[in-house]
C-alpha atoms as a PDB file:
ATOM      1  CA  MET A   1     155.716 169.140  -4.711  1.00  0.00           C
ATOM      2  CA  SER A   2     154.488 172.693  -5.206  1.00  0.00           C
ATOM      3  CA  PHE A   3     156.177 175.681  -3.615  1.00  0.00           C
ATOM      4  CA  ASN A   4     154.147 178.552  -2.201  1.00  0.00           C
ATOM      5  CA  LYS A   5     155.299 182.157  -1.884  1.00  0.00           C
ATOM      6  CA  GLU A   6     156.503 181.686   1.698  1.00  0.00           C
ATOM      7  CA  GLU A   7     158.756 178.791   0.713  1.00  0.00           C
ATOM      8  CA  LYS A   8     160.191 180.755  -2.219  1.00  0.00           C
ATOM      9  CA  SER A   9     160.884 183.804  -0.035  1.00  0.00           C
ATOM     10  CA  LEU A  10     162.533 181.474   2.483  1.00  0.00           C
ATOM     11  CA  GLY A  11     164.908 180.309  -0.247  1.00  0.00           C
ATOM     12  CA  VAL A  12     165.708 183.919  -1.187  1.00  0.00           C
ATOM     13  CA  GLU A  13     166.240 184.774   2.476  1.00  0.00           C
ATOM     14  CA  LEU A  14     168.638 181.873   2.916  1.00  0.00           C
ATOM     15  CA  LYS A  15     170.460 182.821  -0.277  1.00  0.00           C
ATOM     16  CA  SER A  16     171.071 186.379   0.949  1.00  0.00           C
ATOM     17  CA  LYS A  17     172.288 185.077   4.308  1.00  0.00           C
ATOM     18  CA  VAL A  18     174.656 182.714   2.536  1.00  0.00           C
ATOM     19  CA  LYS A  19     176.039 185.585   0.462  1.00  0.00           C
ATOM     20  CA  GLU A  20     176.630 187.603   3.646  1.00  0.00           C
ATOM     21  CA  MET A  21     178.427 184.778   5.427  1.00  0.00           C
ATOM     22  CA  GLY A  22     179.901 182.977   2.433  1.00  0.00           C
ATOM     23  CA  HIS A  23     179.804 179.558   4.128  1.00  0.00           C
ATOM     24  CA  VAL A  24     179.078 176.922   1.517  1.00  0.00           C
ATOM     25  CA  LYS A  25     179.308 174.118   4.062  1.00  0.00           C
ATOM     26  CA  MET A  26     176.525 175.785   6.041  1.00  0.00           C
ATOM     27  CA  VAL A  27     174.389 175.733   2.896  1.00  0.00           C
ATOM     28  CA  LYS A  28     174.909 171.987   2.569  1.00  0.00           C
ATOM     29  CA  GLY A  29     173.726 171.551   6.167  1.00  0.00           C
ATOM     30  CA  LEU A  30     170.647 173.646   5.476  1.00  0.00           C
ATOM     31  CA  GLU A  31     169.910 171.642   2.337  1.00  0.00           C
ATOM     32  CA  ARG A  32     169.767 168.442   4.402  1.00  0.00           C
ATOM     33  CA  ASP A  33     167.363 170.133   6.808  1.00  0.00           C
ATOM     34  CA  LEU A  34     165.134 171.422   4.005  1.00  0.00           C
ATOM     35  CA  GLY A  35     164.782 167.985   2.428  1.00  0.00           C
ATOM     36  CA  THR A  36     162.631 168.362  -0.705  1.00  0.00           C
ATOM     37  CA  LYS A  37     163.794 171.946  -1.192  1.00  0.00           C
ATOM     38  CA  VAL A  38     167.377 170.768  -1.773  1.00  0.00           C
ATOM     39  CA  VAL A  39     167.050 170.548  -5.547  1.00  0.00           C
ATOM     40  CA  VAL A  40     165.512 174.006  -5.943  1.00  0.00           C
ATOM     41  CA  PHE A  41     168.033 175.572  -3.570  1.00  0.00           C
ATOM     42  CA  ASP A  42     170.927 173.847  -5.348  1.00  0.00           C
ATOM     43  CA  HIS A  43     169.900 175.226  -8.728  1.00  0.00           C
ATOM     44  CA  CYS A  44     169.496 178.739  -7.301  1.00  0.00           C
ATOM     45  CA  CYS A  45     172.811 178.894  -5.500  1.00  0.00           C
ATOM     46  CA  ILE A  46     175.340 176.853  -7.385  1.00  0.00           C
END
């Protein structure tokens, strides 16, 4: 699955929100919602 610029910026946006709030459990919930983006988001954040 290819990722366009909007999807990448969404990941960055989520990452900055996570840094602000610092809630790792919330990230896990978002990962389930994002589905195929889980792997990319995992590698970025963890």
